[in-house]
């Protein structure tokens, strides 16, 4: 919700009675605020039974009904839903010169609805201006509190007060800039737009979030992902920007001795073989050596291996010394062999035939226990 507080207006505020508080306009004129003590009723908040819906008026409820503050207090005194005061007469703000009447509205101005007697029946804060519309009221989107009912965002001519309105006037703070708390972080008062290309490398990277005063900050899009397929996904920001793109796998996590898992920002994953580059095998102990994968940056353990076509004094990869007596090859154990004829010695050392060298080096070599016995020469 909007959280703009015109703090300069409440300087030197004083209590006149238990039910009346005196605050001051930017130019120092006293203004009476009243404590009505009304309760807040959440029963119809965000439901189809809001006052606007029952009145067949097109408006979006931003906050539940409340008897604690009214339209004038919200527009002129404190634009928050924690406001606890009624303001019956906002005229001191525009009669003492603190606010001046303007004919070309902008975001942050206040529009007032006057009846045929000249009484100010309603006030609203302008949050959007559509300059493509020729009709003034149709061009304005405003936020206003409807008496003790809900706080609404609506087109300026779509409100219950139009039936009593003879004319409108628009006022702007003549003392701006003034100190206030920007409402950049509140969803219902955000106005999004793409950033111009001359300001950023790509205008699809960011959007602007406007405060009701007209100031704004630039933020990067925050995406939610959907329609995830094998090759790509869609992504959308709440500002309205959306795009479809192929997966970009940036995060890698070690999975096992052969693979690591790469993850896309949308959550999709893909398994890939470890990539070792020029990283050499490092001796660890009598059974194992290790290498570091250059993608997932983890060390992967594997068993020492000797090649059937070479000698057996050292591991063929890390060159770690092996005991001839303990590691001398025996006939293949029927419980641990490959279809090509590589096998595992009882002490865990692998004896490789040439056909299995590549699979061993990338971690995909598998041994089986149900192969027919063969003689290894």
Protein backbone atom coordinates (compact mmCIF):
# COMPACT_ATOMS: atom_id res chain seq x y z
CA UNK A 1 0.00 0.00 0.00
CA UNK A 2 1.02 3.59 -0.53
CA UNK A 3 3.08 4.96 2.33
CA UNK A 4 3.64 8.63 1.52
CA UNK A 5 3.69 10.81 4.60
CA UNK A 6 3.87 14.58 4.16
CA UNK A 7 5.92 14.97 7.31
CA UNK A 8 6.30 18.73 7.01
CA UNK A 9 2.57 19.04 7.52
CA UNK A 10 2.56 17.50 10.97
CA UNK A 11 5.32 19.59 12.51
CA UNK A 12 4.22 21.24 15.75
CA UNK A 13 0.99 19.21 15.81
CA UNK A 14 -0.91 19.63 19.04
CA UNK A 15 -3.95 18.12 20.69
CA UNK A 16 -6.86 20.54 21.15
CA UNK A 17 -9.13 17.96 22.79
CA UNK A 18 -9.41 14.21 23.16
CA UNK A 19 -11.15 14.02 19.78
CA UNK A 20 -9.41 16.83 17.88
CA UNK A 21 -5.78 17.22 16.75
CA UNK A 22 -4.33 20.38 15.22
CA UNK A 23 -1.79 19.99 12.39
CA UNK A 24 -0.40 22.59 10.02
CA UNK A 25 -0.19 23.10 6.29
CA UNK A 26 3.23 23.55 4.68
CA UNK A 27 2.75 27.32 5.10
CA UNK A 28 1.68 27.06 8.72
CA UNK A 29 -2.13 27.30 8.65
CA UNK A 30 -3.87 25.20 11.33
CA UNK A 31 -5.99 22.24 10.23
CA UNK A 32 -8.35 20.24 12.45
CA UNK A 33 -8.20 16.45 12.41
CA UNK A 34 -10.84 14.42 14.21
CA UNK A 35 -10.65 11.06 15.97
CA UNK A 36 -13.77 9.15 14.99
CA UNK A 37 -12.70 5.87 16.58
CA UNK A 38 -14.22 3.78 13.82
CA UNK A 39 -13.18 0.15 13.54
CA UNK A 40 -11.59 -1.64 10.61
CA UNK A 41 -13.65 -4.44 9.11
CA UNK A 42 -11.69 -7.01 7.09
CA UNK A 43 -14.61 -9.28 6.27
CA UNK A 44 -15.06 -7.97 2.73
CA UNK A 45 -11.41 -7.18 1.94
CA UNK A 46 -10.47 -8.37 -1.57
CA UNK A 47 -13.88 -10.02 -1.95
CA UNK A 48 -16.45 -9.54 -4.70
CA UNK A 49 -18.69 -7.81 -2.19
CA UNK A 50 -16.76 -4.55 -1.84
CA UNK A 51 -18.75 -1.34 -1.81
CA UNK A 52 -17.68 -0.58 -5.39
CA UNK A 53 -18.85 -3.99 -6.59
CA UNK A 54 -22.20 -3.63 -4.88
CA UNK A 55 -22.54 -0.17 -6.47
CA UNK A 56 -21.57 -1.55 -9.91
CA UNK A 57 -18.56 0.79 -10.14
CA UNK A 58 -15.29 -0.34 -11.72
CA UNK A 59 -12.62 0.15 -9.05
CA UNK A 60 -9.87 -1.96 -7.44
CA UNK A 61 -9.92 -2.24 -3.65
CA UNK A 62 -6.46 -1.60 -2.17
CA UNK A 63 -7.33 -1.78 1.54
CA UNK A 64 -10.34 -2.87 3.62
CA UNK A 65 -13.11 -0.61 4.80
CA UNK A 66 -12.21 1.54 7.80
CA UNK A 67 -14.06 4.12 9.84
CA UNK A 68 -10.84 5.68 11.13
CA UNK A 69 -9.88 7.89 8.15
CA UNK A 70 -11.65 9.47 5.19
CA UNK A 71 -10.79 10.69 1.69
CA UNK A 72 -9.60 14.20 2.67
CA UNK A 73 -7.39 12.87 5.45
CA UNK A 74 -5.83 10.28 3.13
CA UNK A 75 -5.21 12.74 0.29
CA UNK A 76 -4.10 15.82 2.25
CA UNK A 77 -2.78 14.62 5.60
CA UNK A 78 -1.36 11.09 5.52
CA UNK A 79 -1.47 8.68 2.59
CA UNK A 80 -1.25 5.47 4.61
CA UNK A 81 -3.77 2.88 5.74
CA UNK A 82 -2.61 3.40 9.33
CA UNK A 83 -4.07 6.91 9.26
CA UNK A 84 -6.39 7.36 12.26
CA UNK A 85 -7.96 10.75 11.56
CA UNK A 86 -10.91 12.27 9.73
CA UNK A 87 -10.43 15.57 7.92
CA UNK A 88 -13.67 17.37 7.10
CA UNK A 89 -12.31 20.59 5.60
CA UNK A 90 -9.06 20.49 3.57
CA UNK A 91 -9.52 24.06 2.23
CA UNK A 92 -6.69 25.56 4.39
CA UNK A 93 -4.20 23.59 2.26
CA UNK A 94 -5.21 25.34 -0.98
CA UNK A 95 -6.45 28.63 0.44
CA UNK A 96 -3.21 29.67 2.14
CA UNK A 97 -1.07 29.02 -0.98
CA UNK A 98 0.45 25.75 0.20
CA UNK A 99 -1.19 24.13 -2.82
CA UNK A 100 -1.94 25.88 -6.10
CA UNK A 101 -4.55 25.01 -8.73
CA UNK A 102 -3.19 23.56 -11.98
CA UNK A 103 -4.75 22.69 -15.33
CA UNK A 104 -2.22 20.08 -16.50
CA UNK A 105 -2.23 17.28 -13.91
CA UNK A 106 0.73 15.11 -13.02
CA UNK A 107 1.34 12.20 -10.69
CA UNK A 108 1.16 13.36 -7.06
CA UNK A 109 -1.43 16.11 -7.62
CA UNK A 110 -4.71 16.05 -5.70
CA UNK A 111 -8.07 16.25 -7.47
CA UNK A 112 -11.10 17.58 -5.56
CA UNK A 113 -14.76 17.00 -6.41
CA UNK A 114 -17.04 20.01 -5.72
CA UNK A 115 -20.85 19.94 -5.67
CA UNK A 116 -23.14 22.66 -7.04
CA UNK A 117 -22.92 24.55 -3.72
CA UNK A 118 -19.12 24.75 -3.98
CA UNK A 119 -18.52 22.22 -1.19
CA UNK A 120 -15.50 19.93 -1.53
CA UNK A 121 -17.14 16.49 -1.20
CA UNK A 122 -14.20 14.28 -2.14
CA UNK A 123 -10.39 14.27 -2.58
CA UNK A 124 -8.21 11.79 -4.47
CA UNK A 125 -4.50 11.39 -5.24
CA UNK A 126 -3.48 11.15 -8.91
CA UNK A 127 -1.25 8.13 -9.54
CA UNK A 128 -1.37 7.83 -13.35
CA UNK A 129 -1.89 10.29 -16.22
CA UNK A 130 -2.76 9.02 -19.71
CA UNK A 131 -2.00 11.93 -22.01
CA UNK A 132 -3.50 10.09 -24.99
CA UNK A 133 -7.01 10.68 -23.59
CA UNK A 134 -8.69 13.98 -24.46
CA UNK A 135 -11.19 13.85 -21.61
CA UNK A 136 -9.52 15.01 -18.39
CA UNK A 137 -11.24 12.65 -15.94
CA UNK A 138 -10.85 9.68 -18.28
CA UNK A 139 -7.11 10.37 -18.48
CA UNK A 140 -6.55 10.18 -14.71
CA UNK A 141 -6.14 7.16 -12.45
CA UNK A 142 -6.45 8.03 -8.78
CA UNK A 143 -6.36 6.48 -5.32
CA UNK A 144 -9.01 7.58 -2.85
CA UNK A 145 -10.80 6.52 0.33
CA UNK A 146 -14.58 6.30 0.00
CA UNK A 147 -15.84 7.54 3.36
CA UNK A 148 -15.85 4.60 5.82
CA UNK A 149 -15.63 2.15 2.90
CA UNK A 150 -12.53 0.72 1.19
CA UNK A 151 -9.49 2.48 -0.24
CA UNK A 152 -9.72 2.25 -4.03
CA UNK A 153 -7.68 2.72 -7.18
CA UNK A 154 -9.96 3.86 -9.99
CA UNK A 155 -10.37 6.12 -12.98
CA UNK A 156 -11.16 9.64 -11.83
CA UNK A 157 -14.73 9.52 -13.18
CA UNK A 158 -15.46 6.03 -11.77
CA UNK A 159 -16.42 6.76 -8.18
CA UNK A 160 -19.57 7.14 -6.10
CA UNK A 161 -19.01 10.89 -5.70
CA UNK A 162 -19.48 11.66 -9.40
CA UNK A 163 -23.27 11.74 -8.94
CA UNK A 164 -22.91 14.83 -6.72
CA UNK A 165 -20.04 16.50 -8.61
CA UNK A 166 -20.59 19.76 -10.50
CA UNK A 167 -16.90 20.43 -11.23
CA UNK A 168 -13.40 19.35 -10.22
CA UNK A 169 -10.22 21.22 -9.34
CA UNK A 170 -6.64 19.91 -9.29
CA UNK A 171 -4.05 21.12 -6.77
CA UNK A 172 -0.28 20.77 -6.56
CA UNK A 173 2.00 21.32 -3.60
CA UNK A 174 3.59 24.75 -4.15
CA UNK A 175 6.35 24.05 -1.63
CA UNK A 176 7.75 20.92 -3.31
CA UNK A 177 10.13 19.31 -2.91
CA UNK A 178 9.08 18.34 0.58
CA UNK A 179 10.19 15.55 2.86
CA UNK A 180 8.21 12.35 2.57
CA UNK A 181 8.66 8.59 2.61
CA UNK A 182 8.69 7.26 -0.94
CA UNK A 183 6.29 4.41 -1.66
CA UNK A 184 8.60 2.50 -3.96
CA UNK A 185 8.19 -0.85 -2.21
CA UNK A 186 4.42 -1.20 -2.18
CA UNK A 187 2.81 -3.16 -4.95
CA UNK A 188 -0.49 -1.39 -5.52
CA UNK A 189 1.11 2.00 -6.06
CA UNK A 190 3.82 0.86 -8.45
CA UNK A 191 3.74 2.20 -12.00
CA UNK A 192 6.02 0.19 -14.29
CA UNK A 193 7.68 1.17 -17.53
CA UNK A 194 10.62 0.02 -19.59
CA UNK A 195 13.84 1.99 -19.30
CA UNK A 196 15.02 3.86 -22.39
CA UNK A 197 17.78 2.18 -24.40
CA UNK A 198 20.10 5.15 -24.08
CA UNK A 199 20.09 4.68 -20.30
CA UNK A 200 20.74 0.95 -20.23
CA UNK A 201 22.29 -1.60 -22.52
CA UNK A 202 18.94 -3.32 -22.96
CA UNK A 203 15.55 -1.90 -22.08
CA UNK A 204 14.27 -5.39 -21.26
CA UNK A 205 16.52 -5.69 -18.22
CA UNK A 206 14.89 -3.13 -15.92
CA UNK A 207 11.76 -1.17 -15.10
CA UNK A 208 11.07 2.06 -13.23
CA UNK A 209 8.96 2.14 -10.07
CA UNK A 210 7.34 5.49 -9.50
CA UNK A 211 6.43 7.10 -6.20
CA UNK A 212 3.22 9.11 -6.12
CA UNK A 213 5.36 12.27 -5.89
CA UNK A 214 6.73 11.57 -9.36
CA UNK A 215 10.19 10.41 -8.27
CA UNK A 216 11.23 6.89 -9.21
CA UNK A 217 13.89 4.24 -8.84
CA UNK A 218 15.10 1.70 -11.39
CA UNK A 219 15.06 -1.99 -10.56
CA UNK A 220 16.08 -5.14 -12.40
CA UNK A 221 13.23 -7.44 -13.35
CA UNK A 222 12.31 -10.12 -10.81
CA UNK A 223 11.22 -13.21 -12.72
CA UNK A 224 8.81 -16.04 -12.15
CA UNK A 225 9.34 -19.02 -14.45
CA UNK A 226 6.76 -21.19 -16.17
CA UNK A 227 6.16 -23.51 -19.13
CA UNK A 228 9.42 -25.34 -18.42
CA UNK A 229 10.31 -27.80 -21.19
CA UNK A 230 13.36 -29.87 -22.02
CA UNK A 231 14.91 -27.03 -23.99
CA UNK A 232 13.56 -23.77 -22.52
CA UNK A 233 11.15 -21.82 -20.34
CA UNK A 234 9.10 -18.65 -20.15
CA UNK A 235 9.83 -15.93 -17.60
CA UNK A 236 7.70 -12.98 -16.54
CA UNK A 237 8.10 -9.97 -14.23
CA UNK A 238 5.15 -8.47 -12.34
CA UNK A 239 5.74 -5.25 -14.28
CA UNK A 240 4.36 -7.02 -17.34
CA UNK A 241 7.56 -7.84 -19.22
CA UNK A 242 7.83 -11.48 -20.33
CA UNK A 243 10.12 -13.52 -22.56
CA UNK A 244 10.80 -17.06 -23.76
CA UNK A 245 14.37 -18.35 -23.73
CA UNK A 246 16.43 -21.51 -23.83
CA UNK A 247 17.82 -22.89 -20.59
CA UNK A 248 21.09 -21.42 -19.37
CA UNK A 249 22.80 -23.83 -17.01
CA UNK A 250 25.06 -21.87 -14.70
CA UNK A 251 25.27 -23.75 -11.39
CA UNK A 252 27.00 -27.13 -11.20
CA UNK A 253 26.74 -29.57 -8.29
CA UNK A 254 28.74 -32.79 -7.96
CA UNK A 255 26.46 -35.80 -8.30
CA UNK A 256 28.68 -38.91 -8.42
CA UNK A 257 32.01 -40.18 -9.76
CA UNK A 258 30.89 -39.71 -13.37
CA UNK A 259 28.48 -36.77 -13.47
CA UNK A 260 27.67 -33.39 -12.06
CA UNK A 261 24.26 -31.75 -12.30
CA UNK A 262 23.94 -28.27 -13.88
CA UNK A 263 20.97 -26.10 -12.94
CA UNK A 264 19.10 -23.32 -14.76
CA UNK A 265 17.57 -20.39 -12.89
CA UNK A 266 14.10 -21.80 -13.69
CA UNK A 267 14.92 -25.03 -11.80
CA UNK A 268 15.59 -27.30 -14.78
CA UNK A 269 18.64 -29.57 -14.41
CA UNK A 270 20.85 -31.58 -16.73
CA UNK A 271 23.53 -34.16 -15.93
CA UNK A 272 26.94 -33.85 -17.62
CA UNK A 273 30.16 -35.80 -17.44
CA UNK A 274 32.85 -34.29 -15.26
CA UNK A 275 35.37 -32.22 -17.20
CA UNK A 276 38.93 -32.53 -15.93
CA UNK A 277 40.90 -30.63 -18.57
CA UNK A 278 44.62 -30.91 -17.82
CA UNK A 279 44.11 -31.70 -14.13
CA UNK A 280 46.24 -34.69 -13.18
CA UNK A 281 45.41 -37.59 -10.89
CA UNK A 282 46.57 -37.13 -7.29
CA UNK A 283 47.50 -40.06 -5.05
CA UNK A 284 45.26 -40.28 -1.96
CA UNK A 285 45.88 -43.72 -0.40
CA UNK A 286 46.57 -47.36 -1.34
CA UNK A 287 43.12 -47.73 -2.95
CA UNK A 288 42.26 -44.32 -4.40
CA UNK A 289 43.43 -41.29 -6.35
CA UNK A 290 41.47 -38.16 -7.26
CA UNK A 291 40.99 -35.42 -9.89
CA UNK A 292 39.27 -32.03 -9.74
CA UNK A 293 36.43 -31.32 -12.16
CA UNK A 294 36.85 -27.88 -13.75
CA UNK A 295 33.08 -27.31 -13.98
CA UNK A 296 31.72 -28.26 -10.55
CA UNK A 297 35.13 -27.64 -8.89
CA UNK A 298 34.96 -30.76 -6.74
CA UNK A 299 37.48 -33.59 -6.32
CA UNK A 300 36.29 -36.99 -7.56
CA UNK A 301 37.75 -40.17 -6.05
CA UNK A 302 38.36 -43.27 -8.16
CA UNK A 303 40.17 -46.57 -7.72
CA UNK A 304 43.78 -47.03 -8.80
CA UNK A 305 44.07 -48.73 -12.17
CA UNK A 306 46.72 -50.65 -14.03
CA UNK A 307 46.64 -51.47 -17.72
CA UNK A 308 46.63 -55.10 -18.74
CA UNK A 309 49.18 -54.33 -21.45
CA UNK A 310 51.66 -52.69 -19.05
CA UNK A 311 53.48 -53.52 -15.85
CA UNK A 312 52.00 -53.49 -12.39
CA UNK A 313 54.45 -51.60 -10.20
CA UNK A 314 52.63 -48.26 -10.36
CA UNK A 315 49.12 -46.92 -10.92
CA UNK A 316 48.83 -46.09 -14.61
CA UNK A 317 47.37 -42.66 -13.76
CA UNK A 318 48.69 -41.17 -10.52
CA UNK A 319 51.91 -43.25 -10.70
CA UNK A 320 51.46 -44.21 -7.08
CA UNK A 321 53.68 -47.18 -6.14
CA UNK A 322 51.90 -50.52 -5.82
CA UNK A 323 53.23 -53.58 -4.03
CA UNK A 324 54.03 -56.24 -6.62
CA UNK A 325 53.25 -59.07 -4.29
CA UNK A 326 49.96 -57.64 -3.09
CA UNK A 327 48.74 -56.19 -6.37
CA UNK A 328 49.95 -58.75 -8.89
CA UNK A 329 46.97 -59.57 -11.16
CA UNK A 330 45.09 -62.81 -10.81
CA UNK A 331 42.52 -64.42 -13.07
CA UNK A 332 39.43 -62.21 -13.37
CA UNK A 333 36.93 -62.47 -10.56
CA UNK A 334 33.61 -63.46 -12.09
CA UNK A 335 31.87 -61.07 -9.72
CA UNK A 336 33.51 -57.90 -11.07
CA UNK A 337 34.12 -57.73 -14.82
CA UNK A 338 33.22 -55.66 -17.88
CA UNK A 339 32.03 -57.08 -21.25
CA UNK A 340 35.40 -56.07 -22.75
CA UNK A 341 37.38 -57.97 -20.13
CA UNK A 342 38.53 -55.43 -17.54
CA UNK A 343 38.23 -56.68 -13.95
CA UNK A 344 38.73 -55.77 -10.30
CA UNK A 345 41.34 -57.54 -8.22
CA UNK A 346 40.32 -58.76 -4.76
CA UNK A 347 42.22 -55.81 -3.25
CA UNK A 348 40.15 -53.29 -5.27
CA UNK A 349 42.69 -52.34 -7.95
CA UNK A 350 41.24 -52.20 -11.48
CA UNK A 351 42.93 -53.98 -14.36
CA UNK A 352 42.03 -52.23 -17.63
CA UNK A 353 41.94 -53.50 -21.18
CA UNK A 354 42.44 -50.87 -23.87
CA UNK A 355 38.74 -50.85 -24.88
CA UNK A 356 37.70 -49.63 -21.41
CA UNK A 357 40.28 -46.90 -20.85
CA UNK A 358 38.06 -44.03 -22.06
CA UNK A 359 35.10 -45.15 -19.91
CA UNK A 360 37.36 -45.44 -16.86
CA UNK A 361 38.77 -41.96 -17.40
CA UNK A 362 35.35 -40.30 -17.66
CA UNK A 363 33.92 -42.29 -14.74
CA UNK A 364 31.32 -44.34 -16.64
CA UNK A 365 33.02 -47.75 -16.54
CA UNK A 366 30.66 -50.38 -15.08
CA UNK A 367 31.42 -53.83 -13.75
CA UNK A 368 28.98 -56.73 -13.74
CA UNK A 369 28.59 -59.94 -11.79
CA UNK A 370 26.64 -62.05 -14.32
CA UNK A 371 29.01 -62.20 -17.28
CA UNK A 372 30.44 -65.51 -18.52
CA UNK A 373 33.99 -66.15 -17.37
CA UNK A 374 36.74 -65.42 -19.88
CA UNK A 375 40.49 -65.87 -19.84
CA UNK A 376 42.45 -62.59 -19.81
CA UNK A 377 45.80 -62.90 -21.59
